[in-house]
Amino acid sequence: MYEKRWINVLEPSTMERFTAGIGPVGPECSDKITVSKGTYEEKSICVENSNNYMQQCNIVSVGSNDRQWGFEREIMNNSKLRGCIIHTFDCTLPNNKPKRKPQSDNVKFYPYCIGSESQKAPYLPYDQLWSLAKSKHAPKVLKMDVEGFEYDVILNSILTSNASTWPEQIVMEVHWGTRMVRLPWMPRTRTAAELALFFGIMFNRGGYIIQQTRFMPGCQTCMEVLLVRAVCYETHLGGV
């Protein structure tokens, strides 16, 4: 078991580690939709009731495994998001060709994965990844689960790109423990202080607040979080 490799620290070994480190949550958005409700894949998104929102709506979905297209299908069929274009990125499929992708022009597929500036194709930093969509508008939502790589992706890919392309919302899993052996910090666990620092950087550098959290049964080391970019700093308008 990979868990046996973890170095124990004086930290809660349950979901309490998140509650000790993430800080305040909320306030609630005025309108929200939930997809895959009641399942492990459940995710929530804040929405606006306006035609302008629909016309400029781009959603980024990182990872599909060509099996988990439920998120894309529910977005397509939701009346509040039906006009959104969904950009799905996944570099793990054989021959880079999905066989189960929804047959819709509103679902675009790209054989690339999100990475940091130090990685090479098919792993691309956020700015290069988003440039493939050829959109003039930043994504309304970025959804991802990268099993512990979220720290590097957020800090060394998204928040180092031009701020005009940052997603309005980020839906992701955050982990204080992971089985991904390629991660340098894998043999140990992230502390509550590291979690606090991570979310503090997301607010102070990116203006993101935690709008909602969800803990998943059977996973003490992971938390689903919805972040909304509620503050735009003038110093970030040209990027960081």
C-alpha atoms as a PDB file:
ATOM      1  CA  MET A   1       0.000   0.000   0.000  1.00  0.00           C
ATOM      2  CA  TYR A   2       1.319   3.414  -0.940  1.00  0.00           C
ATOM      3  CA  GLU A   3      -0.084   4.813   2.306  1.00  0.00           C
ATOM      4  CA  LYS A   4       2.570   2.858   4.203  1.00  0.00           C
ATOM      5  CA  ARG A   5       5.214   5.082   2.602  1.00  0.00           C
ATOM      6  CA  TRP A   6       3.810   8.244   4.094  1.00  0.00           C
ATOM      7  CA  ILE A   7       5.852   9.893   6.803  1.00  0.00           C
ATOM      8  CA  ASN A   8       3.590  10.588   9.749  1.00  0.00           C
ATOM      9  CA  VAL A   9       3.429  14.128  11.070  1.00  0.00           C
ATOM     10  CA  LEU A  10       1.531  15.673  13.957  1.00  0.00           C
ATOM     11  CA  GLU A  11      -1.511  16.407  11.838  1.00  0.00           C
ATOM     12  CA  PRO A  12      -5.105  15.153  11.769  1.00  0.00           C
ATOM     13  CA  SER A  13      -5.208  11.940   9.720  1.00  0.00           C
ATOM     14  CA  THR A  14      -8.770  12.635   8.591  1.00  0.00           C
ATOM     15  CA  MET A  15     -10.684  15.282   6.660  1.00  0.00           C
ATOM     16  CA  GLU A  16     -10.215  17.554   9.683  1.00  0.00           C
ATOM     17  CA  ARG A  17      -6.843  18.497   8.225  1.00  0.00           C
ATOM     18  CA  PHE A  18      -8.698  20.404   5.512  1.00  0.00           C
ATOM     19  CA  THR A  19     -11.016  22.199   7.910  1.00  0.00           C
ATOM     20  CA  ALA A  20      -7.994  23.192   9.999  1.00  0.00           C
ATOM     21  CA  GLY A  21      -6.215  24.733   7.020  1.00  0.00           C
ATOM     22  CA  ILE A  22      -8.585  26.051   4.361  1.00  0.00           C
ATOM     23  CA  GLY A  23     -10.016  29.060   6.177  1.00  0.00           C
ATOM     24  CA  PRO A  24     -13.490  30.569   5.631  1.00  0.00           C
ATOM     25  CA  VAL A  25     -15.896  29.177   3.040  1.00  0.00           C
ATOM     26  CA  GLY A  26     -18.533  31.212   1.193  1.00  0.00           C
ATOM     27  CA  PRO A  27     -20.604  33.248   0.754  1.00  0.00           C
ATOM     28  CA  GLU A  28     -22.966  31.198  -1.384  1.00  0.00           C
ATOM     29  CA  CYS A  29     -23.453  32.234  -5.003  1.00  0.00           C
ATOM     30  CA  SER A  30     -26.945  33.379  -5.973  1.00  0.00           C
ATOM     31  CA  ASP A  31     -27.566  30.524  -8.429  1.00  0.00           C
ATOM     32  CA  LYS A  32     -25.870  27.166  -8.725  1.00  0.00           C
ATOM     33  CA  ILE A  33     -26.199  23.938 -10.679  1.00  0.00           C
ATOM     34  CA  THR A  34     -24.982  20.502  -9.606  1.00  0.00           C
ATOM     35  CA  VAL A  35     -24.000  17.743 -12.020  1.00  0.00           C
ATOM     36  CA  SER A  36     -23.679  14.028 -11.238  1.00  0.00           C
ATOM     37  CA  LYS A  37     -25.546  14.711  -8.007  1.00  0.00           C
ATOM     38  CA  GLY A  38     -25.227  12.031  -5.347  1.00  0.00           C
ATOM     39  CA  THR A  39     -22.249  10.335  -6.998  1.00  0.00           C
ATOM     40  CA  TYR A  40     -18.489  10.441  -6.450  1.00  0.00           C
ATOM     41  CA  GLU A  41     -18.232  12.732  -9.490  1.00  0.00           C
ATOM     42  CA  GLU A  42     -20.657  15.353  -8.111  1.00  0.00           C
ATOM     43  CA  LYS A  43     -19.632  18.923  -8.948  1.00  0.00           C
ATOM     44  CA  SER A  44     -21.269  22.319  -8.487  1.00  0.00           C
ATOM     45  CA  ILE A  45     -20.955  25.463 -10.625  1.00  0.00           C
ATOM     46  CA  CYS A  46     -22.187  29.002 -10.050  1.00  0.00           C
ATOM     47  CA  VAL A  47     -24.229  30.387 -12.962  1.00  0.00           C
ATOM     48  CA  GLU A  48     -25.778  33.632 -14.141  1.00  0.00           C
ATOM     49  CA  ASN A  49     -29.195  34.002 -15.718  1.00  0.00           C
ATOM     50  CA  SER A  50     -28.244  36.113 -18.723  1.00  0.00           C
ATOM     51  CA  ASN A  51     -27.931  35.637 -22.472  1.00  0.00           C
ATOM     52  CA  ASN A  52     -24.497  37.253 -22.398  1.00  0.00           C
ATOM     53  CA  TYR A  53     -23.302  34.498 -20.072  1.00  0.00           C
ATOM     54  CA  MET A  54     -24.437  31.818 -22.518  1.00  0.00           C
ATOM     55  CA  GLN A  55     -22.897  33.478 -25.572  1.00  0.00           C
ATOM     56  CA  GLN A  56     -19.467  33.770 -23.985  1.00  0.00           C
ATOM     57  CA  CYS A  57     -19.484  30.520 -22.029  1.00  0.00           C
ATOM     58  CA  ASN A  58     -16.434  28.276 -22.321  1.00  0.00           C
ATOM     59  CA  ILE A  59     -15.831  25.393 -19.920  1.00  0.00           C
ATOM     60  CA  VAL A  60     -12.549  23.488 -19.632  1.00  0.00           C
ATOM     61  CA  SER A  61     -12.633  19.845 -18.546  1.00  0.00           C
ATOM     62  CA  VAL A  62      -9.244  18.285 -17.809  1.00  0.00           C
ATOM     63  CA  GLY A  63      -9.258  14.488 -18.142  1.00  0.00           C
ATOM     64  CA  SER A  64     -11.907  12.076 -19.418  1.00  0.00           C
ATOM     65  CA  ASN A  65     -10.230   8.636 -19.702  1.00  0.00           C
ATOM     66  CA  ASP A  66     -12.789   8.236 -22.526  1.00  0.00           C
ATOM     67  CA  ARG A  67     -15.092   6.785 -19.861  1.00  0.00           C
ATOM     68  CA  GLN A  68     -16.069   9.743 -17.713  1.00  0.00           C
ATOM     69  CA  TRP A  69     -18.035  11.963 -20.085  1.00  0.00           C
ATOM     70  CA  GLY A  70     -20.881  12.449 -17.628  1.00  0.00           C
ATOM     71  CA  PHE A  71     -19.778  16.000 -16.802  1.00  0.00           C
ATOM     72  CA  GLU A  72     -19.827  17.021 -20.467  1.00  0.00           C
ATOM     73  CA  ARG A  73     -23.191  15.351 -21.124  1.00  0.00           C
ATOM     74  CA  GLU A  74     -24.901  17.029 -18.183  1.00  0.00           C
ATOM     75  CA  ILE A  75     -23.520  20.430 -19.123  1.00  0.00           C
ATOM     76  CA  MET A  76     -24.819  19.924 -22.674  1.00  0.00           C
ATOM     77  CA  ASN A  77     -28.298  19.020 -21.422  1.00  0.00           C
ATOM     78  CA  ASN A  78     -28.609  21.691 -18.738  1.00  0.00           C
ATOM     79  CA  SER A  79     -30.890  24.495 -19.901  1.00  0.00           C
ATOM     80  CA  LYS A  80     -28.805  27.130 -18.108  1.00  0.00           C
ATOM     81  CA  LEU A  81     -25.565  26.007 -19.784  1.00  0.00           C
ATOM     82  CA  ARG A  82     -26.754  24.579 -23.085  1.00  0.00           C
ATOM     83  CA  GLY A  83     -24.951  27.227 -25.122  1.00  0.00           C
ATOM     84  CA  CYS A  84     -21.583  26.599 -23.476  1.00  0.00           C
ATOM     85  CA  ILE A  85     -18.640  25.209 -25.428  1.00  0.00           C
ATOM     86  CA  ILE A  86     -16.850  22.447 -23.519  1.00  0.00           C
ATOM     87  CA  HIS A  87     -13.133  21.964 -24.176  1.00  0.00           C
ATOM     88  CA  THR A  88     -11.933  18.568 -22.940  1.00  0.00           C
ATOM     89  CA  PHE A  89      -8.199  17.929 -22.667  1.00  0.00           C
ATOM     90  CA  ASP A  90      -6.740  14.428 -22.231  1.00  0.00           C
ATOM     91  CA  CYS A  91      -3.387  13.101 -23.469  1.00  0.00           C
ATOM     92  CA  THR A  92      -3.817   9.545 -22.145  1.00  0.00           C
ATOM     93  CA  LEU A  93      -6.046   7.995 -24.823  1.00  0.00           C
ATOM     94  CA  PRO A  94      -4.745   5.411 -27.338  1.00  0.00           C
ATOM     95  CA  ASN A  95      -3.963   7.136 -30.650  1.00  0.00           C
ATOM     96  CA  ASN A  96      -5.353  10.327 -29.068  1.00  0.00           C
ATOM     97  CA  LYS A  97      -8.826   9.463 -30.344  1.00  0.00           C
ATOM     98  CA  PRO A  98     -11.810   9.301 -27.982  1.00  0.00           C
ATOM     99  CA  LYS A  99     -14.385   6.645 -28.849  1.00  0.00           C
ATOM    100  CA  ARG A 100     -17.153   7.726 -26.469  1.00  0.00           C
ATOM    101  CA  LYS A 101     -17.094  11.498 -26.833  1.00  0.00           C
ATOM    102  CA  PRO A 102     -20.584  13.029 -27.061  1.00  0.00           C
ATOM    103  CA  GLN A 103     -21.470  13.716 -30.684  1.00  0.00           C
ATOM    104  CA  SER A 104     -21.889  17.446 -30.365  1.00  0.00           C
ATOM    105  CA  ASP A 105     -20.135  20.424 -31.928  1.00  0.00           C
ATOM    106  CA  ASN A 106     -20.227  22.010 -28.477  1.00  0.00           C
ATOM    107  CA  VAL A 107     -17.809  19.405 -27.108  1.00  0.00           C
ATOM    108  CA  LYS A 108     -14.246  19.848 -28.369  1.00  0.00           C
ATOM    109  CA  PHE A 109     -11.448  17.345 -27.688  1.00  0.00           C
ATOM    110  CA  TYR A 110      -7.708  18.057 -27.520  1.00  0.00           C
ATOM    111  CA  PRO A 111      -5.011  15.360 -27.012  1.00  0.00           C
ATOM    112  CA  TYR A 112      -3.085  17.365 -24.412  1.00  0.00           C
ATOM    113  CA  CYS A 113      -2.838  17.470 -20.629  1.00  0.00           C
ATOM    114  CA  ILE A 114      -2.350  20.419 -18.335  1.00  0.00           C
ATOM    115  CA  GLY A 115       1.141  20.816 -16.891  1.00  0.00           C
ATOM    116  CA  SER A 116       3.587  23.398 -15.615  1.00  0.00           C
ATOM    117  CA  GLU A 117       6.067  25.583 -17.480  1.00  0.00           C
ATOM    118  CA  SER A 118       8.850  23.029 -16.949  1.00  0.00           C
ATOM    119  CA  GLN A 119       7.047  20.179 -18.761  1.00  0.00           C
ATOM    120  CA  LYS A 120       6.959  19.266 -22.436  1.00  0.00           C
ATOM    121  CA  ALA A 121       4.191  18.235 -24.834  1.00  0.00           C
ATOM    122  CA  PRO A 122       1.753  16.585 -24.536  1.00  0.00           C
ATOM    123  CA  TYR A 123       1.817  18.347 -21.138  1.00  0.00           C
ATOM    124  CA  LEU A 124       1.261  22.047 -21.763  1.00  0.00           C
ATOM    125  CA  PRO A 125       1.150  25.004 -19.388  1.00  0.00           C
ATOM    126  CA  TYR A 126      -2.241  26.609 -18.963  1.00  0.00           C
ATOM    127  CA  ASP A 127      -1.704  29.526 -21.348  1.00  0.00           C
ATOM    128  CA  GLN A 128      -0.647  27.243 -24.218  1.00  0.00           C
ATOM    129  CA  LEU A 129      -3.453  24.799 -23.437  1.00  0.00           C
ATOM    130  CA  TRP A 130      -6.097  27.512 -23.502  1.00  0.00           C
ATOM    131  CA  SER A 131      -4.694  29.075 -26.693  1.00  0.00           C
ATOM    132  CA  LEU A 132      -5.713  25.885 -28.533  1.00  0.00           C
ATOM    133  CA  ALA A 133      -9.361  26.783 -27.913  1.00  0.00           C
ATOM    134  CA  LYS A 134      -8.931  29.979 -29.968  1.00  0.00           C
ATOM    135  CA  SER A 135     -11.380  31.861 -27.778  1.00  0.00           C
ATOM    136  CA  LYS A 136     -11.359  35.579 -26.996  1.00  0.00           C
ATOM    137  CA  HIS A 137     -12.973  34.959 -23.617  1.00  0.00           C
ATOM    138  CA  ALA A 138     -11.530  33.317 -20.510  1.00  0.00           C
ATOM    139  CA  PRO A 139     -13.203  30.080 -19.381  1.00  0.00           C
ATOM    140  CA  LYS A 140     -16.203  30.382 -17.121  1.00  0.00           C
ATOM    141  CA  VAL A 141     -15.142  27.136 -15.431  1.00  0.00           C
ATOM    142  CA  LEU A 142     -12.035  24.968 -15.220  1.00  0.00           C
ATOM    143  CA  LYS A 143     -12.730  21.460 -13.918  1.00  0.00           C
ATOM    144  CA  MET A 144      -9.826  19.186 -13.060  1.00  0.00           C
ATOM    145  CA  ASP A 145      -8.690  16.292 -10.890  1.00  0.00           C
ATOM    146  CA  VAL A 146      -4.952  15.732 -11.242  1.00  0.00           C
ATOM    147  CA  GLU A 147      -4.359  13.626  -8.117  1.00  0.00           C
ATOM    148  CA  GLY A 148      -1.962  15.864  -6.196  1.00  0.00           C
ATOM    149  CA  PHE A 149      -0.455  17.766  -9.114  1.00  0.00           C
ATOM    150  CA  GLU A 150      -2.944  20.597  -8.518  1.00  0.00           C
ATOM    151  CA  TYR A 151      -0.418  22.540  -6.409  1.00  0.00           C
ATOM    152  CA  ASP A 152       2.105  22.717  -9.231  1.00  0.00           C
ATOM    153  CA  VAL A 153      -0.530  23.317 -11.914  1.00  0.00           C
ATOM    154  CA  ILE A 154      -2.151  26.196 -10.028  1.00  0.00           C
ATOM    155  CA  LEU A 155       1.009  27.903  -8.785  1.00  0.00           C
ATOM    156  CA  ASN A 156       3.356  27.279 -11.728  1.00  0.00           C
ATOM    157  CA  SER A 157       0.962  27.204 -14.674  1.00  0.00           C
ATOM    158  CA  ILE A 158      -2.342  28.992 -14.144  1.00  0.00           C
ATOM    159  CA  LEU A 159      -1.294  31.835 -11.841  1.00  0.00           C
ATOM    160  CA  THR A 160       1.859  32.472 -13.880  1.00  0.00           C
ATOM    161  CA  SER A 161      -0.159  32.963 -17.085  1.00  0.00           C
ATOM    162  CA  ASN A 162      -1.811  36.187 -18.249  1.00  0.00           C
ATOM    163  CA  ALA A 163      -4.546  37.089 -15.781  1.00  0.00           C
ATOM    164  CA  SER A 164      -6.981  37.889 -18.590  1.00  0.00           C
ATOM    165  CA  THR A 165      -7.196  34.153 -19.339  1.00  0.00           C
ATOM    166  CA  TRP A 166      -7.732  32.922 -15.782  1.00  0.00           C
ATOM    167  CA  PRO A 167     -10.958  30.938 -15.332  1.00  0.00           C
ATOM    168  CA  GLU A 168     -13.780  32.596 -13.420  1.00  0.00           C
ATOM    169  CA  GLN A 169     -14.313  29.386 -11.447  1.00  0.00           C
ATOM    170  CA  ILE A 170     -12.135  26.399 -10.634  1.00  0.00           C
ATOM    171  CA  VAL A 171     -13.672  23.066  -9.655  1.00  0.00           C
ATOM    172  CA  MET A 172     -11.020  20.622  -8.499  1.00  0.00           C
ATOM    173  CA  GLU A 173      -9.976  17.973  -6.034  1.00  0.00           C
ATOM    174  CA  VAL A 174      -7.327  18.970  -3.522  1.00  0.00           C
ATOM    175  CA  HIS A 175      -5.232  16.277  -1.824  1.00  0.00           C
ATOM    176  CA  TRP A 176      -3.125  16.195   1.321  1.00  0.00           C
ATOM    177  CA  GLY A 177      -2.015  12.689   0.403  1.00  0.00           C
ATOM    178  CA  THR A 178      -1.554  10.996  -2.970  1.00  0.00           C
ATOM    179  CA  ARG A 179      -0.437   7.742  -4.585  1.00  0.00           C
ATOM    180  CA  MET A 180       1.180   9.447  -7.573  1.00  0.00           C
ATOM    181  CA  VAL A 181       4.785   8.300  -7.277  1.00  0.00           C
ATOM    182  CA  ARG A 182       6.020  10.969  -9.711  1.00  0.00           C
ATOM    183  CA  LEU A 183       5.201  13.705  -7.217  1.00  0.00           C
ATOM    184  CA  PRO A 184       8.242  14.807  -5.193  1.00  0.00           C
ATOM    185  CA  TRP A 185       6.169  15.148  -2.008  1.00  0.00           C
ATOM    186  CA  MET A 186       4.423  11.763  -2.411  1.00  0.00           C
ATOM    187  CA  PRO A 187       6.245   9.922   0.449  1.00  0.00           C
ATOM    188  CA  ARG A 188       4.854  12.405   2.966  1.00  0.00           C
ATOM    189  CA  THR A 189       1.584  14.327   3.358  1.00  0.00           C
ATOM    190  CA  ARG A 190       0.683  17.985   2.997  1.00  0.00           C
ATOM    191  CA  THR A 191       0.164  19.753   6.310  1.00  0.00           C
ATOM    192  CA  ALA A 192      -2.714  22.013   7.340  1.00  0.00           C
ATOM    193  CA  ALA A 193      -0.267  24.927   7.193  1.00  0.00           C
ATOM    194  CA  GLU A 194       0.598  24.093   3.568  1.00  0.00           C
ATOM    195  CA  LEU A 195      -3.099  23.969   2.701  1.00  0.00           C
ATOM    196  CA  ALA A 196      -3.605  27.368   4.326  1.00  0.00           C
ATOM    197  CA  LEU A 197      -0.662  28.799   2.387  1.00  0.00           C
ATOM    198  CA  PHE A 198      -1.938  27.342  -0.894  1.00  0.00           C
ATOM    199  CA  PHE A 199      -5.420  28.819  -0.579  1.00  0.00           C
ATOM    200  CA  GLY A 200      -3.958  32.050   0.746  1.00  0.00           C
ATOM    201  CA  ILE A 201      -1.886  32.393  -2.435  1.00  0.00           C
ATOM    202  CA  MET A 202      -4.950  31.644  -4.554  1.00  0.00           C
ATOM    203  CA  PHE A 203      -6.751  34.554  -2.907  1.00  0.00           C
ATOM    204  CA  ASN A 204      -3.910  37.055  -2.631  1.00  0.00           C
ATOM    205  CA  ARG A 205      -2.504  36.417  -6.106  1.00  0.00           C
ATOM    206  CA  GLY A 206      -5.570  35.321  -8.033  1.00  0.00           C
ATOM    207  CA  GLY A 207      -8.548  36.680  -6.117  1.00  0.00           C
ATOM    208  CA  TYR A 208     -10.106  33.220  -5.685  1.00  0.00           C
ATOM    209  CA  ILE A 209     -12.300  32.490  -2.677  1.00  0.00           C
ATOM    210  CA  ILE A 210     -13.564  29.078  -1.600  1.00  0.00           C
ATOM    211  CA  GLN A 211     -17.250  29.067  -2.395  1.00  0.00           C
ATOM    212  CA  GLN A 212     -18.010  25.446  -1.528  1.00  0.00           C
ATOM    213  CA  THR A 213     -16.308  22.296  -0.283  1.00  0.00           C
ATOM    214  CA  ARG A 214     -17.380  18.663  -0.420  1.00  0.00           C
ATOM    215  CA  PHE A 215     -15.828  15.654   1.256  1.00  0.00           C
ATOM    216  CA  MET A 216     -16.116  12.307  -0.480  1.00  0.00           C
ATOM    217  CA  PRO A 217     -16.839   9.061   1.378  1.00  0.00           C
ATOM    218  CA  GLY A 218     -13.860   6.725   1.352  1.00  0.00           C
ATOM    219  CA  CYS A 219     -11.270   9.435   0.668  1.00  0.00           C
ATOM    220  CA  GLN A 220      -9.925  11.038   3.831  1.00  0.00           C
ATOM    221  CA  THR A 221      -7.110  12.736   1.919  1.00  0.00           C
ATOM    222  CA  CYS A 222      -9.128  14.534  -0.780  1.00  0.00           C
ATOM    223  CA  MET A 223     -11.654  17.347  -0.931  1.00  0.00           C
ATOM    224  CA  GLU A 224     -13.729  18.706  -3.805  1.00  0.00           C
ATOM    225  CA  VAL A 225     -13.609  22.487  -3.832  1.00  0.00           C
ATOM    226  CA  LEU A 226     -15.308  25.199  -5.884  1.00  0.00           C
ATOM    227  CA  LEU A 227     -13.316  28.428  -6.127  1.00  0.00           C
ATOM    228  CA  VAL A 228     -14.744  31.645  -7.574  1.00  0.00           C
ATOM    229  CA  ARG A 229     -12.620  34.557  -8.720  1.00  0.00           C
ATOM    230  CA  ALA A 230     -14.332  37.260  -6.695  1.00  0.00           C
ATOM    231  CA  VAL A 231     -11.537  39.864  -6.596  1.00  0.00           C
ATOM    232  CA  CYS A 232      -9.582  41.263  -9.551  1.00  0.00           C
ATOM    233  CA  TYR A 233      -6.417  43.116  -8.597  1.00  0.00           C
ATOM    234  CA  GLU A 234      -5.176  45.893 -10.875  1.00  0.00           C
ATOM    235  CA  THR A 235      -1.603  44.630 -10.612  1.00  0.00           C
ATOM    236  CA  HIS A 236      -2.703  41.379 -12.222  1.00  0.00           C
ATOM    237  CA  LEU A 237      -4.464  42.718 -15.283  1.00  0.00           C
ATOM    238  CA  GLY A 238      -1.377  42.215 -17.399  1.00  0.00           C
ATOM    239  CA  GLY A 239      -0.418  38.875 -15.891  1.00  0.00           C
ATOM    240  CA  VAL A 240       2.023  37.930 -13.160  1.00  0.00           C
END
